[in-house]
Amino acid sequence: IFKDLGLLVLDEEQRFGVEHKEKIKNAKRNLDVLSLSATPIPRTLNMSLSGIRDISIIETPPRDRLPIQTYVVETSDDLIRDVLSREIARGGQAFVIYNRVESIDEFALYIKRLIPNAKIGIAHGQMNERVLEEVINKLYDCEFNIFISTTLIENGIDLPSANTMIVIDADKLGLGQLYQIRGRIGRSDKLSYAYLTYDKNKILSVDAYKRLSAIKEFSSLGSGFKIAMRDLEIRGAGNIF
């Protein structure tokens, strides 16, 4: 209970659903709300574009930050081996996003066979909370040079030494999700690389192709708003323009 609450700052707005926001809004009517997000959701953008909500865009990147070099490619042993080995060779860390908990351990063994000298860590949402915390701490202590994870690391990871990422089956993830995940790398003054991969034997759907094209096209710093606008278009809300 607050004596005189006047301002609420809502960070990572895209993580909150409509129901959560309605509860916040009804908690106190006379309340200013500042919502922050690198990937604004379509409903919020729609409200901003129609004048219901004010919007400000921050396009200036942090000092010495470089754009993430983003590639959309077919998955292959050679690609995974070369990309991860290159990052290890320059003394950095790499993320591999593999969003299937039931086979993530087998996938880790596959990566180990490709790169025997790799120090591999694994994280997913079904791990014991204490074990997960220990794994994340080891990641920050640089005990792993390859970190295999589900989309669990979508938010909250700030690791300047991680500057390479491979997303397995990127066509199965949403545009906002891809943008958030890619943002886990490139948080230093080193050039970073993101590889969004798909199964070479699979024919991509039209929506999947648009999502991957959008995330590749808008790889410059400060392009989050453009990404979100493309997300509106992909979801069939282009008529609001």
C-alpha atoms as a PDB file:
ATOM      1  CA  ILE A   1       0.000   0.000   0.000  1.00  0.00           C
ATOM      2  CA  PHE A   2       1.502   3.305  -1.088  1.00  0.00           C
ATOM      3  CA  LYS A   3       0.811   6.631   0.588  1.00  0.00           C
ATOM      4  CA  ASP A   4       0.809   8.693  -2.588  1.00  0.00           C
ATOM      5  CA  LEU A   5       1.747   6.612  -5.631  1.00  0.00           C
ATOM      6  CA  GLY A   6       2.057   8.787  -8.743  1.00  0.00           C
ATOM      7  CA  LEU A   7       4.346   6.974 -11.202  1.00  0.00           C
ATOM      8  CA  LEU A   8       4.686   3.357 -12.274  1.00  0.00           C
ATOM      9  CA  VAL A   9       7.598   2.280 -14.509  1.00  0.00           C
ATOM     10  CA  LEU A  10       6.880  -0.967 -16.350  1.00  0.00           C
ATOM     11  CA  ASP A  11      10.065  -2.463 -17.794  1.00  0.00           C
ATOM     12  CA  GLU A  12      10.051  -5.206 -20.456  1.00  0.00           C
ATOM     13  CA  GLU A  13       6.414  -4.461 -21.232  1.00  0.00           C
ATOM     14  CA  GLN A  14       6.190  -7.251 -23.798  1.00  0.00           C
ATOM     15  CA  ARG A  15       6.387  -9.760 -20.937  1.00  0.00           C
ATOM     16  CA  PHE A  16       3.071  -8.578 -19.478  1.00  0.00           C
ATOM     17  CA  GLY A  17      -0.289  -9.706 -20.825  1.00  0.00           C
ATOM     18  CA  VAL A  18      -3.439  -7.630 -21.202  1.00  0.00           C
ATOM     19  CA  GLU A  19      -4.887  -9.089 -17.989  1.00  0.00           C
ATOM     20  CA  HIS A  20      -1.824  -8.018 -15.978  1.00  0.00           C
ATOM     21  CA  LYS A  21      -1.949  -4.496 -17.389  1.00  0.00           C
ATOM     22  CA  GLU A  22      -5.642  -4.147 -16.600  1.00  0.00           C
ATOM     23  CA  LYS A  23      -4.978  -5.101 -12.966  1.00  0.00           C
ATOM     24  CA  ILE A  24      -2.221  -2.500 -12.785  1.00  0.00           C
ATOM     25  CA  LYS A  25      -4.451   0.131 -14.361  1.00  0.00           C
ATOM     26  CA  ASN A  26      -7.346  -0.574 -11.989  1.00  0.00           C
ATOM     27  CA  ALA A  27      -5.107  -0.550  -8.903  1.00  0.00           C
ATOM     28  CA  LYS A  28      -5.066   3.242  -8.948  1.00  0.00           C
ATOM     29  CA  ARG A  29      -6.746   5.306 -11.620  1.00  0.00           C
ATOM     30  CA  ASN A  30      -4.812   8.528 -11.049  1.00  0.00           C
ATOM     31  CA  LEU A  31      -1.436   7.044 -11.946  1.00  0.00           C
ATOM     32  CA  ASP A  32       1.119   7.909 -14.619  1.00  0.00           C
ATOM     33  CA  VAL A  33       2.599   4.832 -16.317  1.00  0.00           C
ATOM     34  CA  LEU A  34       5.870   4.707 -18.262  1.00  0.00           C
ATOM     35  CA  SER A  35       6.221   1.467 -20.272  1.00  0.00           C
ATOM     36  CA  LEU A  36       9.630   0.428 -21.602  1.00  0.00           C
ATOM     37  CA  SER A  37      10.367  -2.192 -24.240  1.00  0.00           C
ATOM     38  CA  ALA A  38      12.891  -2.900 -26.978  1.00  0.00           C
ATOM     39  CA  THR A  39      10.187  -4.826 -28.838  1.00  0.00           C
ATOM     40  CA  PRO A  40       6.826  -3.071 -28.394  1.00  0.00           C
ATOM     41  CA  ILE A  41       3.889  -5.396 -28.874  1.00  0.00           C
ATOM     42  CA  PRO A  42       1.270  -4.741 -31.604  1.00  0.00           C
ATOM     43  CA  ARG A  43      -1.477  -3.688 -29.161  1.00  0.00           C
ATOM     44  CA  THR A  44       0.768  -1.043 -27.599  1.00  0.00           C
ATOM     45  CA  LEU A  45       1.920   0.206 -30.992  1.00  0.00           C
ATOM     46  CA  ASN A  46      -1.641   0.391 -32.216  1.00  0.00           C
ATOM     47  CA  MET A  47      -2.615   2.518 -29.215  1.00  0.00           C
ATOM     48  CA  SER A  48       0.395   4.789 -29.787  1.00  0.00           C
ATOM     49  CA  LEU A  49      -0.188   5.230 -33.503  1.00  0.00           C
ATOM     50  CA  SER A  50      -3.865   6.014 -32.946  1.00  0.00           C
ATOM     51  CA  GLY A  51      -3.018   8.656 -30.337  1.00  0.00           C
ATOM     52  CA  ILE A  52      -4.370   6.841 -27.287  1.00  0.00           C
ATOM     53  CA  ARG A  53      -0.868   6.649 -25.795  1.00  0.00           C
ATOM     54  CA  ASP A  54       2.186   8.837 -26.200  1.00  0.00           C
ATOM     55  CA  ILE A  55       5.343   7.251 -27.576  1.00  0.00           C
ATOM     56  CA  SER A  56       9.034   8.174 -27.484  1.00  0.00           C
ATOM     57  CA  ILE A  57      11.702   6.353 -29.468  1.00  0.00           C
ATOM     58  CA  ILE A  58      15.325   6.025 -28.329  1.00  0.00           C
ATOM     59  CA  GLU A  59      17.466   5.364 -31.397  1.00  0.00           C
ATOM     60  CA  THR A  60      20.890   6.301 -30.007  1.00  0.00           C
ATOM     61  CA  PRO A  61      22.917   3.177 -29.140  1.00  0.00           C
ATOM     62  CA  PRO A  62      25.212   2.903 -26.120  1.00  0.00           C
ATOM     63  CA  ARG A  63      28.745   4.128 -26.688  1.00  0.00           C
ATOM     64  CA  ASP A  64      31.052   1.841 -28.747  1.00  0.00           C
ATOM     65  CA  ARG A  65      28.226  -0.602 -29.552  1.00  0.00           C
ATOM     66  CA  LEU A  66      28.359  -2.211 -33.006  1.00  0.00           C
ATOM     67  CA  PRO A  67      25.453  -3.620 -35.060  1.00  0.00           C
ATOM     68  CA  ILE A  68      24.990  -7.386 -34.794  1.00  0.00           C
ATOM     69  CA  GLN A  69      25.882  -9.124 -38.059  1.00  0.00           C
ATOM     70  CA  THR A  70      22.805 -11.260 -38.709  1.00  0.00           C
ATOM     71  CA  TYR A  71      22.574 -14.182 -41.145  1.00  0.00           C
ATOM     72  CA  VAL A  72      19.691 -16.483 -42.081  1.00  0.00           C
ATOM     73  CA  VAL A  73      21.181 -19.844 -43.096  1.00  0.00           C
ATOM     74  CA  GLU A  74      20.510 -23.562 -43.344  1.00  0.00           C
ATOM     75  CA  THR A  75      21.642 -25.661 -40.387  1.00  0.00           C
ATOM     76  CA  SER A  76      24.733 -27.789 -41.010  1.00  0.00           C
ATOM     77  CA  ASP A  77      27.537 -29.442 -39.053  1.00  0.00           C
ATOM     78  CA  ASP A  78      30.143 -27.316 -40.811  1.00  0.00           C
ATOM     79  CA  LEU A  79      28.327 -24.077 -39.994  1.00  0.00           C
ATOM     80  CA  ILE A  80      27.936 -24.906 -36.299  1.00  0.00           C
ATOM     81  CA  ARG A  81      31.531 -26.130 -35.982  1.00  0.00           C
ATOM     82  CA  ASP A  82      33.069 -23.166 -37.776  1.00  0.00           C
ATOM     83  CA  VAL A  83      30.968 -20.479 -36.080  1.00  0.00           C
ATOM     84  CA  LEU A  84      31.439 -21.765 -32.534  1.00  0.00           C
ATOM     85  CA  SER A  85      35.118 -22.612 -32.999  1.00  0.00           C
ATOM     86  CA  ARG A  86      35.793 -19.080 -34.243  1.00  0.00           C
ATOM     87  CA  GLU A  87      34.246 -17.541 -31.125  1.00  0.00           C
ATOM     88  CA  ILE A  88      36.161 -19.876 -28.834  1.00  0.00           C
ATOM     89  CA  ALA A  89      39.380 -19.048 -30.688  1.00  0.00           C
ATOM     90  CA  ARG A  90      38.976 -15.339 -29.949  1.00  0.00           C
ATOM     91  CA  GLY A  91      38.397 -16.060 -26.269  1.00  0.00           C
ATOM     92  CA  GLY A  92      34.689 -15.334 -26.181  1.00  0.00           C
ATOM     93  CA  GLN A  93      31.475 -17.161 -25.344  1.00  0.00           C
ATOM     94  CA  ALA A  94      28.673 -18.303 -27.635  1.00  0.00           C
ATOM     95  CA  PHE A  95      24.971 -18.946 -27.144  1.00  0.00           C
ATOM     96  CA  VAL A  96      23.140 -21.752 -28.928  1.00  0.00           C
ATOM     97  CA  ILE A  97      19.364 -21.458 -28.667  1.00  0.00           C
ATOM     98  CA  TYR A  98      17.749 -24.886 -28.790  1.00  0.00           C
ATOM     99  CA  ASN A  99      14.117 -24.695 -27.699  1.00  0.00           C
ATOM    100  CA  ARG A 100      13.329 -28.375 -27.083  1.00  0.00           C
ATOM    101  CA  VAL A 101      13.813 -29.417 -23.466  1.00  0.00           C
ATOM    102  CA  GLU A 102      13.238 -33.122 -24.091  1.00  0.00           C
ATOM    103  CA  SER A 103      16.273 -33.467 -26.358  1.00  0.00           C
ATOM    104  CA  ILE A 104      18.545 -30.627 -25.230  1.00  0.00           C
ATOM    105  CA  ASP A 105      20.981 -33.001 -23.513  1.00  0.00           C
ATOM    106  CA  GLU A 106      21.345 -35.062 -26.695  1.00  0.00           C
ATOM    107  CA  PHE A 107      21.914 -31.864 -28.640  1.00  0.00           C
ATOM    108  CA  ALA A 108      24.666 -30.876 -26.192  1.00  0.00           C
ATOM    109  CA  LEU A 109      26.406 -34.215 -26.853  1.00  0.00           C
ATOM    110  CA  TYR A 110      26.145 -33.538 -30.578  1.00  0.00           C
ATOM    111  CA  ILE A 111      27.847 -30.148 -30.103  1.00  0.00           C
ATOM    112  CA  LYS A 112      30.534 -31.807 -27.962  1.00  0.00           C
ATOM    113  CA  ARG A 113      31.282 -34.274 -30.765  1.00  0.00           C
ATOM    114  CA  LEU A 114      31.629 -31.399 -33.230  1.00  0.00           C
ATOM    115  CA  ILE A 115      33.869 -29.375 -30.890  1.00  0.00           C
ATOM    116  CA  PRO A 116      35.609 -31.706 -28.405  1.00  0.00           C
ATOM    117  CA  ASN A 117      37.476 -28.880 -26.613  1.00  0.00           C
ATOM    118  CA  ALA A 118      34.279 -26.942 -25.861  1.00  0.00           C
ATOM    119  CA  LYS A 119      33.157 -26.275 -22.286  1.00  0.00           C
ATOM    120  CA  ILE A 120      29.396 -26.585 -22.545  1.00  0.00           C
ATOM    121  CA  GLY A 121      26.667 -25.409 -20.215  1.00  0.00           C
ATOM    122  CA  ILE A 122      22.933 -26.151 -20.464  1.00  0.00           C
ATOM    123  CA  ALA A 123      19.921 -24.217 -19.194  1.00  0.00           C
ATOM    124  CA  HIS A 124      16.159 -24.625 -19.522  1.00  0.00           C
ATOM    125  CA  GLY A 125      13.012 -23.729 -17.606  1.00  0.00           C
ATOM    126  CA  GLN A 126      12.407 -27.206 -16.167  1.00  0.00           C
ATOM    127  CA  MET A 127      15.644 -27.197 -14.173  1.00  0.00           C
ATOM    128  CA  ASN A 128      15.610 -26.921 -10.398  1.00  0.00           C
ATOM    129  CA  GLU A 129      15.761 -23.246  -9.431  1.00  0.00           C
ATOM    130  CA  ARG A 130      18.948 -23.634  -7.389  1.00  0.00           C
ATOM    131  CA  VAL A 131      20.667 -25.688 -10.095  1.00  0.00           C
ATOM    132  CA  LEU A 132      19.687 -23.121 -12.720  1.00  0.00           C
ATOM    133  CA  GLU A 133      21.103 -20.325 -10.584  1.00  0.00           C
ATOM    134  CA  GLU A 134      24.393 -22.220 -10.244  1.00  0.00           C
ATOM    135  CA  VAL A 135      24.585 -22.757 -13.993  1.00  0.00           C
ATOM    136  CA  ILE A 136      23.976 -19.049 -14.719  1.00  0.00           C
ATOM    137  CA  ASN A 137      26.642 -18.077 -12.171  1.00  0.00           C
ATOM    138  CA  LYS A 138      29.111 -20.410 -13.897  1.00  0.00           C
ATOM    139  CA  LEU A 139      28.226 -18.778 -17.199  1.00  0.00           C
ATOM    140  CA  TYR A 140      29.100 -15.353 -15.777  1.00  0.00           C
ATOM    141  CA  ASP A 141      32.318 -16.785 -14.320  1.00  0.00           C
ATOM    142  CA  CYS A 142      33.270 -17.907 -17.871  1.00  0.00           C
ATOM    143  CA  GLU A 143      33.344 -21.595 -16.934  1.00  0.00           C
ATOM    144  CA  PHE A 144      31.472 -22.261 -20.201  1.00  0.00           C
ATOM    145  CA  ASN A 145      32.446 -21.076 -23.658  1.00  0.00           C
ATOM    146  CA  ILE A 146      29.335 -22.541 -25.289  1.00  0.00           C
ATOM    147  CA  PHE A 147      25.982 -22.120 -23.565  1.00  0.00           C
ATOM    148  CA  ILE A 148      23.042 -24.140 -24.876  1.00  0.00           C
ATOM    149  CA  SER A 149      19.688 -22.830 -23.731  1.00  0.00           C
ATOM    150  CA  THR A 150      16.012 -22.637 -24.509  1.00  0.00           C
ATOM    151  CA  THR A 151      14.437 -19.203 -24.938  1.00  0.00           C
ATOM    152  CA  LEU A 152      14.817 -18.948 -21.157  1.00  0.00           C
ATOM    153  CA  ILE A 153      17.636 -16.408 -21.664  1.00  0.00           C
ATOM    154  CA  GLU A 154      15.364 -14.098 -23.660  1.00  0.00           C
ATOM    155  CA  ASN A 155      15.561 -11.482 -20.886  1.00  0.00           C
ATOM    156  CA  GLY A 156      17.927 -10.594 -18.097  1.00  0.00           C
ATOM    157  CA  ILE A 157      21.269 -11.832 -19.471  1.00  0.00           C
ATOM    158  CA  ASP A 158      23.946  -9.130 -19.790  1.00  0.00           C
ATOM    159  CA  LEU A 159      27.175 -10.847 -20.781  1.00  0.00           C
ATOM    160  CA  PRO A 160      29.641  -8.658 -22.728  1.00  0.00           C
ATOM    161  CA  SER A 161      31.909 -11.657 -23.437  1.00  0.00           C
ATOM    162  CA  ALA A 162      29.135 -13.427 -25.423  1.00  0.00           C
ATOM    163  CA  ASN A 163      29.268 -12.225 -29.027  1.00  0.00           C
ATOM    164  CA  THR A 164      28.149 -15.167 -31.131  1.00  0.00           C
ATOM    165  CA  MET A 165      24.734 -16.822 -31.283  1.00  0.00           C
ATOM    166  CA  ILE A 166      23.194 -19.673 -33.248  1.00  0.00           C
ATOM    167  CA  VAL A 167      19.413 -20.077 -33.113  1.00  0.00           C
ATOM    168  CA  ILE A 168      18.299 -23.579 -34.094  1.00  0.00           C
ATOM    169  CA  ASP A 169      14.948 -23.724 -35.938  1.00  0.00           C
ATOM    170  CA  ALA A 170      14.633 -19.939 -35.834  1.00  0.00           C
ATOM    171  CA  ASP A 171      11.587 -20.158 -38.114  1.00  0.00           C
ATOM    172  CA  LYS A 172       9.567 -21.518 -35.177  1.00  0.00           C
ATOM    173  CA  LEU A 173      10.074 -18.404 -33.037  1.00  0.00           C
ATOM    174  CA  GLY A 174       8.172 -15.134 -33.173  1.00  0.00           C
ATOM    175  CA  LEU A 175       9.697 -11.911 -34.450  1.00  0.00           C
ATOM    176  CA  GLY A 176       9.693 -10.112 -31.101  1.00  0.00           C
ATOM    177  CA  GLN A 177      11.163 -13.199 -29.467  1.00  0.00           C
ATOM    178  CA  LEU A 178      13.956 -13.414 -32.042  1.00  0.00           C
ATOM    179  CA  TYR A 179      14.735  -9.744 -31.531  1.00  0.00           C
ATOM    180  CA  GLN A 180      14.929 -10.157 -27.756  1.00  0.00           C
ATOM    181  CA  ILE A 181      17.073 -13.289 -27.992  1.00  0.00           C
ATOM    182  CA  ARG A 182      19.492 -11.695 -30.438  1.00  0.00           C
ATOM    183  CA  GLY A 183      19.871  -8.825 -27.996  1.00  0.00           C
ATOM    184  CA  ARG A 184      21.673 -11.131 -25.557  1.00  0.00           C
ATOM    185  CA  ILE A 185      24.835 -10.705 -27.655  1.00  0.00           C
ATOM    186  CA  GLY A 186      26.605  -7.625 -28.958  1.00  0.00           C
ATOM    187  CA  ARG A 187      26.711  -5.959 -25.543  1.00  0.00           C
ATOM    188  CA  SER A 188      30.346  -4.852 -25.831  1.00  0.00           C
ATOM    189  CA  ASP A 189      32.610  -3.117 -28.341  1.00  0.00           C
ATOM    190  CA  LYS A 190      33.358  -6.392 -30.166  1.00  0.00           C
ATOM    191  CA  LEU A 191      31.749  -7.338 -33.462  1.00  0.00           C
ATOM    192  CA  SER A 192      29.033  -9.921 -32.853  1.00  0.00           C
ATOM    193  CA  TYR A 193      27.380 -12.510 -35.075  1.00  0.00           C
ATOM    194  CA  ALA A 194      23.894 -14.055 -35.007  1.00  0.00           C
ATOM    195  CA  TYR A 195      23.003 -17.046 -37.182  1.00  0.00           C
ATOM    196  CA  LEU A 196      19.283 -17.775 -37.519  1.00  0.00           C
ATOM    197  CA  THR A 197      19.117 -21.308 -38.846  1.00  0.00           C
ATOM    198  CA  TYR A 198      16.424 -23.523 -40.307  1.00  0.00           C
ATOM    199  CA  ASP A 199      16.232 -27.141 -41.440  1.00  0.00           C
ATOM    200  CA  LYS A 200      17.476 -27.401 -45.027  1.00  0.00           C
ATOM    201  CA  ASN A 201      14.844 -30.070 -45.757  1.00  0.00           C
ATOM    202  CA  LYS A 202      11.991 -27.853 -44.615  1.00  0.00           C
ATOM    203  CA  ILE A 203       9.977 -25.454 -46.754  1.00  0.00           C
ATOM    204  CA  LEU A 204       9.472 -22.235 -44.817  1.00  0.00           C
ATOM    205  CA  SER A 205       5.980 -20.825 -44.456  1.00  0.00           C
ATOM    206  CA  VAL A 206       5.301 -17.324 -45.779  1.00  0.00           C
ATOM    207  CA  ASP A 207       5.066 -15.891 -42.258  1.00  0.00           C
ATOM    208  CA  ALA A 208       8.302 -17.586 -41.172  1.00  0.00           C
ATOM    209  CA  TYR A 209      10.076 -16.223 -44.230  1.00  0.00           C
ATOM    210  CA  LYS A 210       8.816 -12.698 -43.474  1.00  0.00           C
ATOM    211  CA  ARG A 211       9.924 -12.922 -39.843  1.00  0.00           C
ATOM    212  CA  LEU A 212      13.434 -14.069 -40.712  1.00  0.00           C
ATOM    213  CA  SER A 213      13.713 -11.482 -43.473  1.00  0.00           C
ATOM    214  CA  ALA A 214      12.637  -8.721 -41.085  1.00  0.00           C
ATOM    215  CA  ILE A 215      15.080  -9.639 -38.315  1.00  0.00           C
ATOM    216  CA  LYS A 216      17.903  -9.834 -40.861  1.00  0.00           C
ATOM    217  CA  GLU A 217      16.993  -6.543 -42.514  1.00  0.00           C
ATOM    218  CA  PHE A 218      16.663  -4.565 -39.287  1.00  0.00           C
ATOM    219  CA  SER A 219      19.976  -5.414 -37.648  1.00  0.00           C
ATOM    220  CA  SER A 220      21.118  -1.814 -37.158  1.00  0.00           C
ATOM    221  CA  LEU A 221      21.176  -0.346 -33.658  1.00  0.00           C
ATOM    222  CA  GLY A 222      17.983   1.429 -32.633  1.00  0.00           C
ATOM    223  CA  SER A 223      15.790  -0.508 -35.072  1.00  0.00           C
ATOM    224  CA  GLY A 224      13.482  -2.014 -32.464  1.00  0.00           C
ATOM    225  CA  PHE A 225      10.556   0.207 -33.433  1.00  0.00           C
ATOM    226  CA  LYS A 226      10.899  -0.781 -37.109  1.00  0.00           C
ATOM    227  CA  ILE A 227      11.005  -4.445 -36.087  1.00  0.00           C
ATOM    228  CA  ALA A 228       7.810  -4.015 -34.090  1.00  0.00           C
ATOM    229  CA  MET A 229       6.128  -2.239 -37.000  1.00  0.00           C
ATOM    230  CA  ARG A 230       7.026  -5.147 -39.263  1.00  0.00           C
ATOM    231  CA  ASP A 231       5.577  -7.454 -36.620  1.00  0.00           C
ATOM    232  CA  LEU A 232       2.271  -5.609 -36.932  1.00  0.00           C
ATOM    233  CA  GLU A 233       2.342  -6.088 -40.680  1.00  0.00           C
ATOM    234  CA  ILE A 234       3.125  -9.808 -40.415  1.00  0.00           C
ATOM    235  CA  ARG A 235       0.243 -10.300 -37.976  1.00  0.00           C
ATOM    236  CA  GLY A 236      -2.116  -8.858 -40.535  1.00  0.00           C
ATOM    237  CA  ALA A 237      -2.620  -5.502 -38.836  1.00  0.00           C
ATOM    238  CA  GLY A 238      -1.212  -3.474 -41.696  1.00  0.00           C
ATOM    239  CA  ASN A 239      -4.507  -1.626 -42.107  1.00  0.00           C
ATOM    240  CA  ILE A 240      -3.747   0.601 -39.104  1.00  0.00           C
ATOM    241  CA  PHE A 241      -1.276   2.507 -41.254  1.00  0.00           C
END
